[in-house]
């Protein structure tokens, strides 16, 4: 699925924020002796989502650079 660049940029920023919140949750769970299994799965999924959106961003930027040339 191809998004427009502003949408991809917005999603990348949003996912970065979610990753940071999830990282904090994992740290809090670890400090409290809780099970981080599910929280880690969510964290890993967010990382994959970020990777895919970054790939979209790079693809869109490359397309824009080709059009500008």
N, C-alpha and C. Protein backbone atom coordinates (compact mmCIF):
# COMPACT_ATOMS: atom_id res chain seq x y z
N UNK A 1 0.85 -1.17 0.00
CA UNK A 1 0.00 0.00 0.00
C UNK A 1 0.90 1.24 0.00
N UNK A 2 0.58 2.16 -0.87
CA UNK A 2 1.38 3.38 -1.01
C UNK A 2 0.64 4.56 -0.39
N UNK A 3 1.32 5.26 0.48
CA UNK A 3 0.77 6.44 1.12
C UNK A 3 1.45 7.68 0.55
N UNK A 4 0.85 8.82 0.79
CA UNK A 4 1.49 10.08 0.45
C UNK A 4 2.54 10.40 1.50
N UNK A 5 3.55 11.15 1.13
CA UNK A 5 4.66 11.44 2.02
C UNK A 5 4.23 12.08 3.35
N UNK A 6 3.35 13.09 3.37
CA UNK A 6 2.96 13.66 4.67
C UNK A 6 2.31 12.63 5.60
N UNK A 7 1.53 11.73 5.02
CA UNK A 7 0.88 10.69 5.83
C UNK A 7 1.93 9.73 6.40
N UNK A 8 2.90 9.37 5.58
CA UNK A 8 3.96 8.48 6.04
C UNK A 8 4.78 9.16 7.14
N UNK A 9 5.11 10.43 6.95
CA UNK A 9 5.87 11.17 7.97
C UNK A 9 5.09 11.22 9.29
N UNK A 10 3.79 11.45 9.21
CA UNK A 10 2.95 11.49 10.41
C UNK A 10 2.94 10.14 11.11
N UNK A 11 2.82 9.08 10.33
CA UNK A 11 2.79 7.73 10.91
C UNK A 11 4.13 7.37 11.55
N UNK A 12 5.24 7.75 10.90
CA UNK A 12 6.56 7.47 11.46
C UNK A 12 6.70 8.15 12.83
N UNK A 13 6.29 9.41 12.90
CA UNK A 13 6.37 10.13 14.18
C UNK A 13 5.47 9.48 15.23
N UNK A 14 4.29 9.08 14.82
CA UNK A 14 3.35 8.44 15.75
C UNK A 14 3.91 7.11 16.26
N UNK A 15 4.49 6.33 15.38
CA UNK A 15 5.04 5.03 15.79
C UNK A 15 6.24 5.23 16.71
N UNK A 16 7.07 6.23 16.42
CA UNK A 16 8.18 6.54 17.33
C UNK A 16 7.66 6.81 18.74
N UNK A 17 6.59 7.58 18.82
CA UNK A 17 6.00 7.90 20.12
C UNK A 17 5.46 6.65 20.81
N UNK A 18 4.79 5.80 20.05
CA UNK A 18 4.26 4.55 20.62
C UNK A 18 5.39 3.64 21.09
N UNK A 19 6.47 3.59 20.33
CA UNK A 19 7.62 2.77 20.73
C UNK A 19 8.19 3.27 22.05
N UNK A 20 8.32 4.58 22.18
CA UNK A 20 8.87 5.13 23.42
C UNK A 20 7.96 4.81 24.61
N UNK A 21 6.64 4.93 24.43
CA UNK A 21 5.71 4.59 25.51
C UNK A 21 5.79 3.11 25.85
N UNK A 22 5.92 2.27 24.82
CA UNK A 22 6.00 0.84 25.07
C UNK A 22 7.31 0.48 25.77
N UNK A 23 8.39 1.15 25.40
CA UNK A 23 9.68 0.93 26.05
C UNK A 23 9.57 1.26 27.54
N UNK A 24 8.89 2.37 27.84
CA UNK A 24 8.70 2.78 29.23
C UNK A 24 7.85 1.75 29.99
N UNK A 25 6.81 1.25 29.34
CA UNK A 25 5.97 0.22 29.96
C UNK A 25 6.80 -1.02 30.30
N UNK A 26 7.63 -1.44 29.37
CA UNK A 26 8.48 -2.62 29.61
C UNK A 26 9.41 -2.37 30.79
N UNK A 27 10.02 -1.19 30.83
CA UNK A 27 10.91 -0.87 31.95
C UNK A 27 10.15 -0.89 33.28
N UNK A 28 8.94 -0.32 33.29
CA UNK A 28 8.13 -0.32 34.50
C UNK A 28 7.76 -1.73 34.93
N UNK A 29 7.38 -2.56 33.97
CA UNK A 29 7.04 -3.96 34.28
C UNK A 29 8.25 -4.70 34.84
N UNK A 30 9.40 -4.50 34.22
CA UNK A 30 10.61 -5.16 34.70
C UNK A 30 10.96 -4.72 36.12
N UNK A 31 10.86 -3.42 36.37
CA UNK A 31 11.15 -2.91 37.71
C UNK A 31 10.21 -3.50 38.75
N UNK A 32 8.95 -3.69 38.34
CA UNK A 32 7.96 -4.24 39.26
C UNK A 32 7.93 -5.75 39.30
N UNK A 33 8.81 -6.39 38.54
CA UNK A 33 8.85 -7.85 38.54
C UNK A 33 7.75 -8.49 37.72
N UNK A 34 7.12 -7.72 36.84
CA UNK A 34 6.03 -8.24 36.03
C UNK A 34 6.51 -9.00 34.80
N UNK A 35 5.60 -9.68 34.19
CA UNK A 35 5.87 -10.43 32.96
C UNK A 35 5.82 -9.47 31.78
N UNK A 36 6.90 -9.41 31.02
CA UNK A 36 6.97 -8.47 29.90
C UNK A 36 6.70 -9.13 28.55
N UNK A 37 6.31 -10.39 28.55
CA UNK A 37 6.17 -11.14 27.30
C UNK A 37 5.24 -10.43 26.30
N UNK A 38 4.04 -10.13 26.73
CA UNK A 38 3.08 -9.47 25.82
C UNK A 38 3.55 -8.07 25.44
N UNK A 39 4.09 -7.35 26.39
CA UNK A 39 4.58 -6.00 26.11
C UNK A 39 5.72 -6.05 25.11
N UNK A 40 6.56 -7.05 25.19
CA UNK A 40 7.67 -7.19 24.25
C UNK A 40 7.17 -7.53 22.85
N UNK A 41 6.13 -8.34 22.77
CA UNK A 41 5.55 -8.68 21.46
C UNK A 41 5.01 -7.41 20.80
N UNK A 42 4.31 -6.58 21.57
CA UNK A 42 3.80 -5.31 21.03
C UNK A 42 4.96 -4.43 20.59
N UNK A 43 6.00 -4.34 21.41
CA UNK A 43 7.18 -3.54 21.07
C UNK A 43 7.80 -4.01 19.76
N UNK A 44 7.96 -5.31 19.62
CA UNK A 44 8.54 -5.87 18.39
C UNK A 44 7.65 -5.58 17.18
N UNK A 45 6.34 -5.67 17.36
CA UNK A 45 5.41 -5.37 16.27
C UNK A 45 5.50 -3.91 15.86
N UNK A 46 5.65 -3.02 16.83
CA UNK A 46 5.80 -1.60 16.52
C UNK A 46 7.10 -1.37 15.74
N UNK A 47 8.14 -2.08 16.09
CA UNK A 47 9.40 -1.97 15.36
C UNK A 47 9.25 -2.38 13.90
N UNK A 48 8.51 -3.44 13.67
CA UNK A 48 8.26 -3.90 12.30
C UNK A 48 7.43 -2.86 11.55
N UNK A 49 6.42 -2.33 12.19
CA UNK A 49 5.59 -1.30 11.57
C UNK A 49 6.42 -0.07 11.21
N UNK A 50 7.30 0.34 12.11
CA UNK A 50 8.18 1.48 11.84
C UNK A 50 9.06 1.19 10.63
N UNK A 51 9.64 0.02 10.59
CA UNK A 51 10.49 -0.37 9.47
C UNK A 51 9.73 -0.27 8.14
N UNK A 52 8.51 -0.79 8.11
CA UNK A 52 7.72 -0.76 6.88
C UNK A 52 7.37 0.67 6.46
N UNK A 53 7.04 1.51 7.42
CA UNK A 53 6.73 2.90 7.10
C UNK A 53 7.98 3.66 6.64
N UNK A 54 9.13 3.35 7.22
CA UNK A 54 10.37 3.97 6.76
C UNK A 54 10.68 3.54 5.33
N UNK A 55 10.41 2.29 5.00
CA UNK A 55 10.60 1.84 3.63
C UNK A 55 9.69 2.62 2.67
N UNK A 56 8.45 2.84 3.07
CA UNK A 56 7.54 3.66 2.25
C UNK A 56 8.09 5.06 2.08
N UNK A 57 8.61 5.64 3.17
CA UNK A 57 9.15 6.99 3.10
C UNK A 57 10.34 7.05 2.13
N UNK A 58 11.25 6.10 2.25
CA UNK A 58 12.41 6.08 1.35
C UNK A 58 11.96 5.92 -0.11
N UNK A 59 10.97 5.07 -0.34
CA UNK A 59 10.46 4.84 -1.69
C UNK A 59 9.84 6.13 -2.25
N UNK A 60 9.02 6.79 -1.44
CA UNK A 60 8.39 8.04 -1.88
C UNK A 60 9.43 9.13 -2.14
N UNK A 61 10.41 9.24 -1.27
CA UNK A 61 11.45 10.25 -1.47
C UNK A 61 12.25 9.96 -2.74
N UNK A 62 12.52 8.70 -3.01
CA UNK A 62 13.23 8.33 -4.24
C UNK A 62 12.40 8.70 -5.46
N UNK A 63 11.09 8.46 -5.40
CA UNK A 63 10.22 8.81 -6.51
C UNK A 63 10.19 10.33 -6.73
N UNK A 64 10.16 11.08 -5.64
CA UNK A 64 10.17 12.53 -5.76
C UNK A 64 11.49 13.03 -6.34
N UNK A 65 12.59 12.41 -5.95
CA UNK A 65 13.90 12.81 -6.47
C UNK A 65 14.00 12.51 -7.97
N UNK A 66 13.43 11.39 -8.41
CA UNK A 66 13.45 11.05 -9.83
C UNK A 66 12.63 12.06 -10.62
N UNK A 67 11.45 12.42 -10.09
CA UNK A 67 10.60 13.39 -10.77
C UNK A 67 11.25 14.77 -10.84
N UNK A 68 12.02 15.10 -9.80
CA UNK A 68 12.67 16.41 -9.74
C UNK A 68 13.89 16.49 -10.66
N UNK A 69 14.43 15.35 -11.04
CA UNK A 69 15.64 15.33 -11.87
C UNK A 69 15.35 15.59 -13.32
